């Protein structure tokens, strides 16, 4: 009893609202924050609450889990969302001494700070796009005006142009990640011939594969359904995947780009495989997270931004498809994604 009293005193000094329920739904305790914030009185301790009562009191209109104390997902688990107007809460469920502890944290201030930081970064990044486009245009103009340029000048212009394109790609990735994370973002869907799109993407890499002596094999059936996609987004996804494959392939290495239709004829699957060092098993689960890189990549001089695969995941998922990684049977990586086929 003394231990329970001490525990309740500790919980009362927390700034988060804390509810304690038995596994049968009995309200065992609510700290002072929970009592004040959600109009709970000590006289209600001992009452049996069903899961709907709790979610209604918290202001959650639709539950995301089975409405039963006995069928909660594996704990701890957290809901994020707007519980009340202008209030953003994190609600965490934990099992504690055969009881269920519900922690309600007001994250409105943190969310607002994150939004302000994100807006500032997006504004800065957006302002970089125009001067970068001007630099790239200027480099191309100089290249066109010097048809008889020597090898050193030609090489310098090529390196400058490619470097500027890398920065521009980073700028576009940051902006596109922000757009794709917006639930109201709408895709510009058109029906496209995937083979034509893949050929256009591969043309982008001609100078690189010549320099690094990489051979790219395109394998696809003669008859492939058209795909309904946002062509600009998907093109950048394919560029990201092939660029990674080339970047981490050895000299004289090979890269395979394959396309096929799924058994149900509803999806077209694109696969990019390489002979690089691959991704260690401990990093496979996080390679699509923002600013995360595989262990072998992080140690390499050929570092990326950690945004390319995040953008690719968001873009493919926005189409209703999936993207995933598999190790090559012997050596290397395979990235696969699915795109919606046009079904007649």
C-alpha atoms as a PDB file:
ATOM      1  CA  UNK A   1       0.000   0.000   0.000  1.00  0.00           C
ATOM      2  CA  UNK A   2       2.873   2.333   0.856  1.00  0.00           C
ATOM      3  CA  UNK A   3       4.535   1.560  -2.467  1.00  0.00           C
ATOM      4  CA  UNK A   4       1.270   2.263  -4.299  1.00  0.00           C
ATOM      5  CA  UNK A   5       0.879   5.604  -2.483  1.00  0.00           C
ATOM      6  CA  UNK A   6       4.444   6.572  -3.368  1.00  0.00           C
ATOM      7  CA  UNK A   7       3.837   5.570  -7.000  1.00  0.00           C
ATOM      8  CA  UNK A   8       0.719   7.756  -7.160  1.00  0.00           C
ATOM      9  CA  UNK A   9       2.595  10.694  -5.671  1.00  0.00           C
ATOM     10  CA  UNK A  10       5.275  10.352  -8.321  1.00  0.00           C
ATOM     11  CA  UNK A  11       2.647  10.195 -11.077  1.00  0.00           C
ATOM     12  CA  UNK A  12       0.921  13.299  -9.676  1.00  0.00           C
ATOM     13  CA  UNK A  13       4.098  15.321 -10.167  1.00  0.00           C
ATOM     14  CA  UNK A  14       4.352  14.473 -13.860  1.00  0.00           C
ATOM     15  CA  UNK A  15       3.314  17.069 -16.434  1.00  0.00           C
ATOM     16  CA  UNK A  16       1.688  14.426 -18.633  1.00  0.00           C
ATOM     17  CA  UNK A  17      -1.802  13.102 -17.999  1.00  0.00           C
ATOM     18  CA  UNK A  18      -1.556   9.537 -16.694  1.00  0.00           C
ATOM     19  CA  UNK A  19      -4.367   6.992 -16.492  1.00  0.00           C
ATOM     20  CA  UNK A  20      -3.944   3.548 -14.927  1.00  0.00           C
ATOM     21  CA  UNK A  21      -6.395   0.770 -15.818  1.00  0.00           C
ATOM     22  CA  UNK A  22      -6.592  -2.886 -14.941  1.00  0.00           C
ATOM     23  CA  UNK A  23      -6.694  -5.344 -17.820  1.00  0.00           C
ATOM     24  CA  UNK A  24     -10.444  -5.629 -17.246  1.00  0.00           C
ATOM     25  CA  UNK A  25     -10.910  -1.875 -17.736  1.00  0.00           C
ATOM     26  CA  UNK A  26     -11.174  -0.750 -14.105  1.00  0.00           C
ATOM     27  CA  UNK A  27      -9.924   2.804 -13.614  1.00  0.00           C
ATOM     28  CA  UNK A  28      -7.317   2.326 -10.915  1.00  0.00           C
ATOM     29  CA  UNK A  29      -5.825   5.815 -10.881  1.00  0.00           C
ATOM     30  CA  UNK A  30      -5.631   9.097 -12.772  1.00  0.00           C
ATOM     31  CA  UNK A  31      -3.021  11.688 -11.829  1.00  0.00           C
ATOM     32  CA  UNK A  32      -3.821  15.353 -11.197  1.00  0.00           C
ATOM     33  CA  UNK A  33      -3.080  16.344 -14.797  1.00  0.00           C
ATOM     34  CA  UNK A  34      -5.544  13.749 -16.097  1.00  0.00           C
ATOM     35  CA  UNK A  35      -8.170  14.799 -13.549  1.00  0.00           C
ATOM     36  CA  UNK A  36      -7.890  18.475 -14.487  1.00  0.00           C
ATOM     37  CA  UNK A  37      -7.493  18.049 -18.223  1.00  0.00           C
ATOM     38  CA  UNK A  38     -10.174  15.425 -18.771  1.00  0.00           C
ATOM     39  CA  UNK A  39     -12.623  16.112 -15.914  1.00  0.00           C
ATOM     40  CA  UNK A  40     -11.950  12.975 -13.890  1.00  0.00           C
ATOM     41  CA  UNK A  41     -12.749  12.774 -10.146  1.00  0.00           C
ATOM     42  CA  UNK A  42     -11.313  10.381  -7.576  1.00  0.00           C
ATOM     43  CA  UNK A  43     -14.833   9.111  -6.941  1.00  0.00           C
ATOM     44  CA  UNK A  44     -14.657   7.478 -10.386  1.00  0.00           C
ATOM     45  CA  UNK A  45     -11.701   5.309  -9.376  1.00  0.00           C
ATOM     46  CA  UNK A  46     -12.880   1.713  -9.386  1.00  0.00           C
ATOM     47  CA  UNK A  47     -15.377   2.222 -12.195  1.00  0.00           C
ATOM     48  CA  UNK A  48     -15.203  -0.091 -15.199  1.00  0.00           C
ATOM     49  CA  UNK A  49     -14.457   1.715 -18.444  1.00  0.00           C
ATOM     50  CA  UNK A  50     -14.736   0.117 -21.844  1.00  0.00           C
ATOM     51  CA  UNK A  51     -12.334   1.188 -24.523  1.00  0.00           C
ATOM     52  CA  UNK A  52     -14.915   3.366 -26.287  1.00  0.00           C
ATOM     53  CA  UNK A  53     -15.456   5.397 -23.110  1.00  0.00           C
ATOM     54  CA  UNK A  54     -11.743   6.155 -22.869  1.00  0.00           C
ATOM     55  CA  UNK A  55     -11.385   7.191 -26.508  1.00  0.00           C
ATOM     56  CA  UNK A  56     -14.501   9.372 -26.264  1.00  0.00           C
ATOM     57  CA  UNK A  57     -13.178  11.079 -23.125  1.00  0.00           C
ATOM     58  CA  UNK A  58      -9.853  11.691 -24.871  1.00  0.00           C
ATOM     59  CA  UNK A  59     -11.715  13.157 -27.835  1.00  0.00           C
ATOM     60  CA  UNK A  60     -10.680  10.501 -30.340  1.00  0.00           C
ATOM     61  CA  UNK A  61     -13.494  10.119 -32.843  1.00  0.00           C
ATOM     62  CA  UNK A  62     -12.286   6.935 -34.535  1.00  0.00           C
ATOM     63  CA  UNK A  63     -10.246   4.289 -32.763  1.00  0.00           C
ATOM     64  CA  UNK A  64      -7.286   2.811 -34.576  1.00  0.00           C
ATOM     65  CA  UNK A  65      -7.277  -0.460 -32.635  1.00  0.00           C
ATOM     66  CA  UNK A  66      -9.752  -3.157 -31.685  1.00  0.00           C
ATOM     67  CA  UNK A  67     -11.974  -1.522 -28.995  1.00  0.00           C
ATOM     68  CA  UNK A  68     -11.178  -3.948 -26.216  1.00  0.00           C
ATOM     69  CA  UNK A  69      -8.666  -3.946 -23.396  1.00  0.00           C
ATOM     70  CA  UNK A  70      -7.900  -7.572 -24.166  1.00  0.00           C
ATOM     71  CA  UNK A  71      -7.127  -6.986 -27.831  1.00  0.00           C
ATOM     72  CA  UNK A  72      -4.717  -4.060 -27.725  1.00  0.00           C
ATOM     73  CA  UNK A  73      -1.727  -4.214 -30.080  1.00  0.00           C
ATOM     74  CA  UNK A  74       1.606  -5.247 -28.673  1.00  0.00           C
ATOM     75  CA  UNK A  75       2.533  -2.589 -26.126  1.00  0.00           C
ATOM     76  CA  UNK A  76       3.958  -0.036 -25.861  1.00  0.00           C
ATOM     77  CA  UNK A  77       2.337   1.659 -28.817  1.00  0.00           C
ATOM     78  CA  UNK A  78       1.589   5.300 -29.528  1.00  0.00           C
ATOM     79  CA  UNK A  79      -1.107   7.280 -31.287  1.00  0.00           C
ATOM     80  CA  UNK A  80      -0.225  10.645 -32.776  1.00  0.00           C
ATOM     81  CA  UNK A  81      -2.982  13.021 -33.741  1.00  0.00           C
ATOM     82  CA  UNK A  82      -5.247  15.930 -33.016  1.00  0.00           C
ATOM     83  CA  UNK A  83      -7.376  14.980 -30.035  1.00  0.00           C
ATOM     84  CA  UNK A  84      -8.890  18.395 -29.471  1.00  0.00           C
ATOM     85  CA  UNK A  85      -9.013  21.483 -31.716  1.00  0.00           C
ATOM     86  CA  UNK A  86      -5.554  23.091 -31.949  1.00  0.00           C
ATOM     87  CA  UNK A  87      -4.110  20.404 -29.660  1.00  0.00           C
ATOM     88  CA  UNK A  88      -1.762  17.672 -30.842  1.00  0.00           C
ATOM     89  CA  UNK A  89      -1.379  14.774 -28.440  1.00  0.00           C
ATOM     90  CA  UNK A  90       0.771  11.683 -28.247  1.00  0.00           C
ATOM     91  CA  UNK A  91      -1.096   8.899 -26.458  1.00  0.00           C
ATOM     92  CA  UNK A  92       1.036   5.950 -25.359  1.00  0.00           C
ATOM     93  CA  UNK A  93      -0.226   2.663 -23.921  1.00  0.00           C
ATOM     94  CA  UNK A  94       2.128   0.595 -21.754  1.00  0.00           C
ATOM     95  CA  UNK A  95       1.715  -2.553 -19.704  1.00  0.00           C
ATOM     96  CA  UNK A  96       2.985  -1.977 -16.174  1.00  0.00           C
ATOM     97  CA  UNK A  97       2.707  -4.471 -13.298  1.00  0.00           C
ATOM     98  CA  UNK A  98      -0.262  -6.251 -14.922  1.00  0.00           C
ATOM     99  CA  UNK A  99      -1.925  -2.873 -15.404  1.00  0.00           C
ATOM    100  CA  UNK A 100      -2.336  -0.662 -18.463  1.00  0.00           C
ATOM    101  CA  UNK A 101      -0.778   2.782 -18.177  1.00  0.00           C
ATOM    102  CA  UNK A 102      -2.119   5.415 -20.580  1.00  0.00           C
ATOM    103  CA  UNK A 103       0.139   8.453 -21.004  1.00  0.00           C
ATOM    104  CA  UNK A 104      -1.297  11.539 -22.716  1.00  0.00           C
ATOM    105  CA  UNK A 105       1.375  14.052 -23.723  1.00  0.00           C
ATOM    106  CA  UNK A 106       0.524  17.438 -25.188  1.00  0.00           C
ATOM    107  CA  UNK A 107       2.940  17.733 -28.099  1.00  0.00           C
ATOM    108  CA  UNK A 108       1.352  20.847 -29.628  1.00  0.00           C
ATOM    109  CA  UNK A 109       4.321  23.092 -28.842  1.00  0.00           C
ATOM    110  CA  UNK A 110       6.850  20.580 -30.147  1.00  0.00           C
ATOM    111  CA  UNK A 111       4.820  20.067 -33.314  1.00  0.00           C
ATOM    112  CA  UNK A 112       4.572  23.817 -33.884  1.00  0.00           C
ATOM    113  CA  UNK A 113       8.338  24.215 -33.449  1.00  0.00           C
ATOM    114  CA  UNK A 114       8.971  21.370 -35.879  1.00  0.00           C
ATOM    115  CA  UNK A 115       6.588  22.967 -38.374  1.00  0.00           C
ATOM    116  CA  UNK A 116       8.350  26.331 -38.091  1.00  0.00           C
ATOM    117  CA  UNK A 117      11.736  24.678 -38.597  1.00  0.00           C
ATOM    118  CA  UNK A 118      10.452  22.672 -41.558  1.00  0.00           C
ATOM    119  CA  UNK A 119       8.886  25.791 -43.125  1.00  0.00           C
ATOM    120  CA  UNK A 120      12.140  27.721 -42.723  1.00  0.00           C
ATOM    121  CA  UNK A 121      14.174  24.921 -44.329  1.00  0.00           C
ATOM    122  CA  UNK A 122      11.697  24.568 -47.196  1.00  0.00           C
ATOM    123  CA  UNK A 123      11.762  28.327 -47.798  1.00  0.00           C
ATOM    124  CA  UNK A 124      15.558  28.364 -47.889  1.00  0.00           C
ATOM    125  CA  UNK A 125      15.731  25.304 -50.127  1.00  0.00           C
ATOM    126  CA  UNK A 126      13.081  26.709 -52.451  1.00  0.00           C
ATOM    127  CA  UNK A 127      15.129  29.899 -52.864  1.00  0.00           C
ATOM    128  CA  UNK A 128      18.156  27.819 -53.927  1.00  0.00           C
ATOM    129  CA  UNK A 129      16.344  26.322 -56.899  1.00  0.00           C
ATOM    130  CA  UNK A 130      16.399  29.407 -59.164  1.00  0.00           C
ATOM    131  CA  UNK A 131      20.119  30.237 -58.856  1.00  0.00           C
ATOM    132  CA  UNK A 132      21.031  26.572 -59.339  1.00  0.00           C
ATOM    133  CA  UNK A 133      18.944  26.433 -62.504  1.00  0.00           C
ATOM    134  CA  UNK A 134      20.748  29.575 -63.694  1.00  0.00           C
ATOM    135  CA  UNK A 135      24.160  28.011 -62.993  1.00  0.00           C
ATOM    136  CA  UNK A 136      23.267  24.866 -64.934  1.00  0.00           C
ATOM    137  CA  UNK A 137      21.962  26.932 -67.852  1.00  0.00           C
ATOM    138  CA  UNK A 138      25.107  29.044 -67.844  1.00  0.00           C
ATOM    139  CA  UNK A 139      27.365  25.990 -67.888  1.00  0.00           C
ATOM    140  CA  UNK A 140      25.492  24.555 -70.853  1.00  0.00           C
ATOM    141  CA  UNK A 141      25.739  27.881 -72.694  1.00  0.00           C
ATOM    142  CA  UNK A 142      29.498  28.036 -72.131  1.00  0.00           C
ATOM    143  CA  UNK A 143      29.815  24.427 -73.320  1.00  0.00           C
ATOM    144  CA  UNK A 144      27.862  25.225 -76.501  1.00  0.00           C
ATOM    145  CA  UNK A 145      29.894  28.383 -77.195  1.00  0.00           C
ATOM    146  CA  UNK A 146      33.202  26.511 -76.921  1.00  0.00           C
ATOM    147  CA  UNK A 147      32.853  23.664 -79.412  1.00  0.00           C
ATOM    148  CA  UNK A 148      36.623  23.290 -79.747  1.00  0.00           C
ATOM    149  CA  UNK A 149      37.403  23.298 -76.033  1.00  0.00           C
ATOM    150  CA  UNK A 150      40.345  21.218 -74.895  1.00  0.00           C
ATOM    151  CA  UNK A 151      40.031  18.133 -72.713  1.00  0.00           C
ATOM    152  CA  UNK A 152      40.734  19.969 -69.423  1.00  0.00           C
ATOM    153  CA  UNK A 153      38.027  22.575 -70.049  1.00  0.00           C
ATOM    154  CA  UNK A 154      35.548  19.924 -71.223  1.00  0.00           C
ATOM    155  CA  UNK A 155      36.212  17.829 -68.127  1.00  0.00           C
ATOM    156  CA  UNK A 156      35.882  20.833 -65.819  1.00  0.00           C
ATOM    157  CA  UNK A 157      32.550  21.833 -67.377  1.00  0.00           C
ATOM    158  CA  UNK A 158      31.269  18.260 -67.072  1.00  0.00           C
ATOM    159  CA  UNK A 159      32.219  18.017 -63.377  1.00  0.00           C
ATOM    160  CA  UNK A 160      30.681  21.428 -62.626  1.00  0.00           C
ATOM    161  CA  UNK A 161      27.467  20.536 -64.464  1.00  0.00           C
ATOM    162  CA  UNK A 162      27.144  17.177 -62.698  1.00  0.00           C
ATOM    163  CA  UNK A 163      27.857  18.718 -59.284  1.00  0.00           C
ATOM    164  CA  UNK A 164      25.224  21.410 -59.863  1.00  0.00           C
ATOM    165  CA  UNK A 165      22.724  18.731 -60.862  1.00  0.00           C
ATOM    166  CA  UNK A 166      23.458  16.793 -57.652  1.00  0.00           C
ATOM    167  CA  UNK A 167      22.725  19.876 -55.543  1.00  0.00           C
ATOM    168  CA  UNK A 168      19.573  20.562 -57.558  1.00  0.00           C
ATOM    169  CA  UNK A 169      18.469  16.958 -57.038  1.00  0.00           C
ATOM    170  CA  UNK A 170      18.948  17.371 -53.276  1.00  0.00           C
ATOM    171  CA  UNK A 171      16.905  20.582 -53.343  1.00  0.00           C
ATOM    172  CA  UNK A 172      14.142  18.861 -55.296  1.00  0.00           C
ATOM    173  CA  UNK A 173      14.207  15.863 -52.927  1.00  0.00           C
ATOM    174  CA  UNK A 174      13.796  18.027 -49.813  1.00  0.00           C
ATOM    175  CA  UNK A 175      10.899  19.917 -51.380  1.00  0.00           C
ATOM    176  CA  UNK A 176       9.258  16.767 -52.730  1.00  0.00           C
ATOM    177  CA  UNK A 177       9.546  14.901 -49.417  1.00  0.00           C
ATOM    178  CA  UNK A 178       7.725  17.801 -47.768  1.00  0.00           C
ATOM    179  CA  UNK A 179       5.041  17.752 -50.485  1.00  0.00           C
ATOM    180  CA  UNK A 180       4.551  13.987 -50.370  1.00  0.00           C
ATOM    181  CA  UNK A 181       4.200  14.034 -46.580  1.00  0.00           C
ATOM    182  CA  UNK A 182       1.221  16.380 -47.010  1.00  0.00           C
ATOM    183  CA  UNK A 183      -1.915  14.176 -46.965  1.00  0.00           C
ATOM    184  CA  UNK A 184      -3.635  16.598 -49.371  1.00  0.00           C
ATOM    185  CA  UNK A 185      -0.951  16.294 -52.067  1.00  0.00           C
ATOM    186  CA  UNK A 186      -2.393  15.199 -55.425  1.00  0.00           C
ATOM    187  CA  UNK A 187      -0.455  13.261 -58.046  1.00  0.00           C
ATOM    188  CA  UNK A 188      -0.395  14.401 -61.670  1.00  0.00           C
ATOM    189  CA  UNK A 189      -1.425  11.016 -63.072  1.00  0.00           C
ATOM    190  CA  UNK A 190      -1.016  10.145 -66.754  1.00  0.00           C
ATOM    191  CA  UNK A 191      -0.866   6.878 -68.683  1.00  0.00           C
ATOM    192  CA  UNK A 192       2.737   6.189 -69.632  1.00  0.00           C
ATOM    193  CA  UNK A 193       4.717   3.592 -71.602  1.00  0.00           C
ATOM    194  CA  UNK A 194       7.192   2.327 -69.028  1.00  0.00           C
ATOM    195  CA  UNK A 195       9.738   1.249 -71.621  1.00  0.00           C
ATOM    196  CA  UNK A 196       9.945   4.785 -73.009  1.00  0.00           C
ATOM    197  CA  UNK A 197      10.359   6.194 -69.505  1.00  0.00           C
ATOM    198  CA  UNK A 198      13.123   3.704 -68.677  1.00  0.00           C
ATOM    199  CA  UNK A 199      15.006   4.528 -71.883  1.00  0.00           C
ATOM    200  CA  UNK A 200      14.804   8.233 -71.041  1.00  0.00           C
ATOM    201  CA  UNK A 201      16.147   7.565 -67.554  1.00  0.00           C
ATOM    202  CA  UNK A 202      19.039   5.454 -68.837  1.00  0.00           C
ATOM    203  CA  UNK A 203      20.082   8.215 -71.261  1.00  0.00           C
ATOM    204  CA  UNK A 204      20.673  10.372 -68.190  1.00  0.00           C
ATOM    205  CA  UNK A 205      23.500   7.998 -67.148  1.00  0.00           C
ATOM    206  CA  UNK A 206      25.392   7.613 -70.459  1.00  0.00           C
ATOM    207  CA  UNK A 207      28.338   9.864 -69.450  1.00  0.00           C
ATOM    208  CA  UNK A 208      28.606   8.218 -66.016  1.00  0.00           C
ATOM    209  CA  UNK A 209      28.557   4.602 -67.170  1.00  0.00           C
ATOM    210  CA  UNK A 210      31.132   5.422 -69.833  1.00  0.00           C
ATOM    211  CA  UNK A 211      33.431   7.003 -67.258  1.00  0.00           C
ATOM    212  CA  UNK A 212      33.014   4.265 -64.624  1.00  0.00           C
ATOM    213  CA  UNK A 213      32.872   1.426 -67.193  1.00  0.00           C
ATOM    214  CA  UNK A 214      29.544   0.197 -65.852  1.00  0.00           C
ATOM    215  CA  UNK A 215      27.317  -1.947 -68.055  1.00  0.00           C
ATOM    216  CA  UNK A 216      23.552  -1.512 -67.641  1.00  0.00           C
ATOM    217  CA  UNK A 217      21.278  -4.294 -68.877  1.00  0.00           C
ATOM    218  CA  UNK A 218      17.618  -3.440 -69.528  1.00  0.00           C
ATOM    219  CA  UNK A 219      15.393  -6.504 -69.437  1.00  0.00           C
ATOM    220  CA  UNK A 220      11.665  -6.306 -70.076  1.00  0.00           C
ATOM    221  CA  UNK A 221       9.057  -8.198 -72.100  1.00  0.00           C
ATOM    222  CA  UNK A 222       7.947  -6.914 -75.479  1.00  0.00           C
ATOM    223  CA  UNK A 223       4.380  -6.559 -74.233  1.00  0.00           C
ATOM    224  CA  UNK A 224       4.036  -4.656 -70.976  1.00  0.00           C
ATOM    225  CA  UNK A 225       0.923  -2.829 -69.734  1.00  0.00           C
ATOM    226  CA  UNK A 226       0.996   0.943 -69.594  1.00  0.00           C
ATOM    227  CA  UNK A 227       1.271   2.421 -66.125  1.00  0.00           C
ATOM    228  CA  UNK A 228      -0.799   5.186 -64.549  1.00  0.00           C
ATOM    229  CA  UNK A 229       1.734   7.350 -62.766  1.00  0.00           C
ATOM    230  CA  UNK A 230       3.013  10.807 -61.999  1.00  0.00           C
ATOM    231  CA  UNK A 231       5.774  10.534 -64.612  1.00  0.00           C
ATOM    232  CA  UNK A 232       8.025  13.213 -63.106  1.00  0.00           C
ATOM    233  CA  UNK A 233       8.001  11.597 -59.651  1.00  0.00           C
ATOM    234  CA  UNK A 234       8.512   8.065 -60.943  1.00  0.00           C
ATOM    235  CA  UNK A 235      11.327   9.175 -63.237  1.00  0.00           C
ATOM    236  CA  UNK A 236      13.144  10.623 -60.239  1.00  0.00           C
ATOM    237  CA  UNK A 237      12.549   7.416 -58.258  1.00  0.00           C
ATOM    238  CA  UNK A 238      14.150   5.392 -61.047  1.00  0.00           C
ATOM    239  CA  UNK A 239      17.042   7.851 -61.297  1.00  0.00           C
ATOM    240  CA  UNK A 240      17.610   7.507 -57.540  1.00  0.00           C
ATOM    241  CA  UNK A 241      17.634   3.701 -57.639  1.00  0.00           C
ATOM    242  CA  UNK A 242      19.893   3.448 -60.695  1.00  0.00           C
ATOM    243  CA  UNK A 243      22.207   6.187 -59.410  1.00  0.00           C
ATOM    244  CA  UNK A 244      22.655   4.252 -56.141  1.00  0.00           C
ATOM    245  CA  UNK A 245      23.322   1.045 -58.062  1.00  0.00           C
ATOM    246  CA  UNK A 246      26.005   2.723 -60.198  1.00  0.00           C
ATOM    247  CA  UNK A 247      27.494   4.640 -57.291  1.00  0.00           C
ATOM    248  CA  UNK A 248      28.228   1.516 -55.268  1.00  0.00           C
ATOM    249  CA  UNK A 249      29.150  -0.817 -58.130  1.00  0.00           C
ATOM    250  CA  UNK A 250      32.785  -1.744 -58.748  1.00  0.00           C
ATOM    251  CA  UNK A 251      34.600  -0.651 -61.900  1.00  0.00           C
ATOM    252  CA  UNK A 252      33.504  -2.843 -64.815  1.00  0.00           C
ATOM    253  CA  UNK A 253      30.476  -3.824 -62.745  1.00  0.00           C
ATOM    254  CA  UNK A 254      27.013  -4.583 -64.039  1.00  0.00           C
ATOM    255  CA  UNK A 255      23.603  -3.142 -63.212  1.00  0.00           C
ATOM    256  CA  UNK A 256      20.319  -4.754 -64.204  1.00  0.00           C
ATOM    257  CA  UNK A 257      17.060  -2.893 -64.727  1.00  0.00           C
ATOM    258  CA  UNK A 258      14.131  -5.269 -65.126  1.00  0.00           C
ATOM    259  CA  UNK A 259      10.414  -4.752 -65.586  1.00  0.00           C
ATOM    260  CA  UNK A 260       7.631  -7.333 -65.414  1.00  0.00           C
ATOM    261  CA  UNK A 261       3.927  -7.557 -64.730  1.00  0.00           C
ATOM    262  CA  UNK A 262       2.653  -9.158 -61.518  1.00  0.00           C
ATOM    263  CA  UNK A 263       0.585 -12.349 -61.576  1.00  0.00           C
ATOM    264  CA  UNK A 264      -2.675 -10.461 -60.995  1.00  0.00           C
ATOM    265  CA  UNK A 265      -1.892  -8.132 -63.939  1.00  0.00           C
ATOM    266  CA  UNK A 266      -2.644  -5.094 -61.737  1.00  0.00           C
ATOM    267  CA  UNK A 267       0.927  -3.955 -61.110  1.00  0.00           C
ATOM    268  CA  UNK A 268       4.141  -3.547 -63.025  1.00  0.00           C
ATOM    269  CA  UNK A 269       7.224  -4.387 -60.995  1.00  0.00           C
ATOM    270  CA  UNK A 270      10.522  -2.600 -61.624  1.00  0.00           C
ATOM    271  CA  UNK A 271      13.752  -4.045 -60.287  1.00  0.00           C
ATOM    272  CA  UNK A 272      17.224  -2.495 -60.067  1.00  0.00           C
ATOM    273  CA  UNK A 273      20.049  -4.891 -59.162  1.00  0.00           C
ATOM    274  CA  UNK A 274      23.779  -4.345 -58.782  1.00  0.00           C
ATOM    275  CA  UNK A 275      27.020  -6.089 -57.796  1.00  0.00           C
ATOM    276  CA  UNK A 276      27.968  -3.677 -55.013  1.00  0.00           C
ATOM    277  CA  UNK A 277      28.639  -4.338 -51.344  1.00  0.00           C
ATOM    278  CA  UNK A 278      24.952  -4.496 -50.444  1.00  0.00           C
ATOM    279  CA  UNK A 279      23.242  -3.386 -47.229  1.00  0.00           C
ATOM    280  CA  UNK A 280      24.074  -5.079 -43.915  1.00  0.00           C
ATOM    281  CA  UNK A 281      21.106  -6.963 -42.395  1.00  0.00           C
ATOM    282  CA  UNK A 282      20.977  -4.656 -39.354  1.00  0.00           C
ATOM    283  CA  UNK A 283      20.388  -1.633 -41.618  1.00  0.00           C
ATOM    284  CA  UNK A 284      17.792  -3.124 -43.966  1.00  0.00           C
ATOM    285  CA  UNK A 285      14.804  -2.056 -41.842  1.00  0.00           C
ATOM    286  CA  UNK A 286      15.795   1.641 -41.795  1.00  0.00           C
ATOM    287  CA  UNK A 287      17.262   2.385 -45.234  1.00  0.00           C
ATOM    288  CA  UNK A 288      14.040   4.080 -46.377  1.00  0.00           C
ATOM    289  CA  UNK A 289      13.963   6.386 -43.315  1.00  0.00           C
ATOM    290  CA  UNK A 290      14.909  10.028 -43.680  1.00  0.00           C
ATOM    291  CA  UNK A 291      18.667  10.769 -43.502  1.00  0.00           C
ATOM    292  CA  UNK A 292      19.464   7.092 -42.927  1.00  0.00           C
ATOM    293  CA  UNK A 293      22.103   5.247 -44.910  1.00  0.00           C
ATOM    294  CA  UNK A 294      23.300   1.681 -44.961  1.00  0.00           C
ATOM    295  CA  UNK A 295      26.391   0.923 -42.861  1.00  0.00           C
ATOM    296  CA  UNK A 296      28.542   0.184 -45.870  1.00  0.00           C
ATOM    297  CA  UNK A 297      27.364   3.385 -47.530  1.00  0.00           C
ATOM    298  CA  UNK A 298      28.040   5.492 -44.441  1.00  0.00           C
ATOM    299  CA  UNK A 299      31.659   4.305 -44.426  1.00  0.00           C
ATOM    300  CA  UNK A 300      32.117   4.899 -48.122  1.00  0.00           C
ATOM    301  CA  UNK A 301      33.496   8.056 -49.660  1.00  0.00           C
ATOM    302  CA  UNK A 302      30.499   7.957 -51.970  1.00  0.00           C
ATOM    303  CA  UNK A 303      28.083   9.327 -49.413  1.00  0.00           C
ATOM    304  CA  UNK A 304      24.562  10.365 -50.251  1.00  0.00           C
ATOM    305  CA  UNK A 305      22.115  12.637 -48.510  1.00  0.00           C
ATOM    306  CA  UNK A 306      19.923   9.925 -47.019  1.00  0.00           C
ATOM    307  CA  UNK A 307      16.887  11.476 -48.730  1.00  0.00           C
ATOM    308  CA  UNK A 308      16.781   9.638 -52.058  1.00  0.00           C
ATOM    309  CA  UNK A 309      15.260   6.433 -50.717  1.00  0.00           C
ATOM    310  CA  UNK A 310      12.907   8.344 -48.413  1.00  0.00           C
ATOM    311  CA  UNK A 311      11.611  10.287 -51.402  1.00  0.00           C
ATOM    312  CA  UNK A 312      11.357   7.072 -53.418  1.00  0.00           C
ATOM    313  CA  UNK A 313       9.332   5.344 -50.704  1.00  0.00           C
ATOM    314  CA  UNK A 314       6.922   8.265 -50.342  1.00  0.00           C
ATOM    315  CA  UNK A 315       6.504   8.602 -54.115  1.00  0.00           C
ATOM    316  CA  UNK A 316       5.817   4.891 -54.683  1.00  0.00           C
ATOM    317  CA  UNK A 317       3.453   4.668 -51.699  1.00  0.00           C
ATOM    318  CA  UNK A 318       1.576   7.736 -53.001  1.00  0.00           C
ATOM    319  CA  UNK A 319       0.800   5.601 -56.077  1.00  0.00           C
ATOM    320  CA  UNK A 320      -0.481   2.815 -53.836  1.00  0.00           C
ATOM    321  CA  UNK A 321       2.580   0.689 -54.623  1.00  0.00           C
ATOM    322  CA  UNK A 322       5.353  -0.840 -52.540  1.00  0.00           C
ATOM    323  CA  UNK A 323       9.131  -0.509 -52.545  1.00  0.00           C
ATOM    324  CA  UNK A 324      11.527  -2.856 -50.805  1.00  0.00           C
ATOM    325  CA  UNK A 325      15.096  -4.096 -50.640  1.00  0.00           C
ATOM    326  CA  UNK A 326      16.460  -7.610 -51.039  1.00  0.00           C
ATOM    327  CA  UNK A 327      20.087  -8.761 -50.957  1.00  0.00           C
ATOM    328  CA  UNK A 328      21.500 -10.419 -54.061  1.00  0.00           C
ATOM    329  CA  UNK A 329      22.007 -14.194 -53.602  1.00  0.00           C
ATOM    330  CA  UNK A 330      25.794 -13.816 -53.936  1.00  0.00           C
ATOM    331  CA  UNK A 331      26.716 -10.112 -53.762  1.00  0.00           C
ATOM    332  CA  UNK A 332      24.959  -6.813 -54.291  1.00  0.00           C
ATOM    333  CA  UNK A 333      21.533  -5.264 -53.808  1.00  0.00           C
ATOM    334  CA  UNK A 334      18.108  -5.526 -55.380  1.00  0.00           C
ATOM    335  CA  UNK A 335      15.547  -2.748 -55.046  1.00  0.00           C
ATOM    336  CA  UNK A 336      12.032  -3.505 -56.267  1.00  0.00           C
ATOM    337  CA  UNK A 337       8.961  -1.301 -56.585  1.00  0.00           C
ATOM    338  CA  UNK A 338       5.477  -1.702 -58.000  1.00  0.00           C
ATOM    339  CA  UNK A 339       3.535   0.739 -60.160  1.00  0.00           C
ATOM    340  CA  UNK A 340      -0.189   0.593 -60.985  1.00  0.00           C
ATOM    341  CA  UNK A 341      -0.862  -0.949 -64.395  1.00  0.00           C
ATOM    342  CA  UNK A 342      -3.548   0.372 -66.709  1.00  0.00           C
ATOM    343  CA  UNK A 343      -6.113  -2.422 -66.730  1.00  0.00           C
ATOM    344  CA  UNK A 344      -8.545  -2.574 -69.635  1.00  0.00           C
END
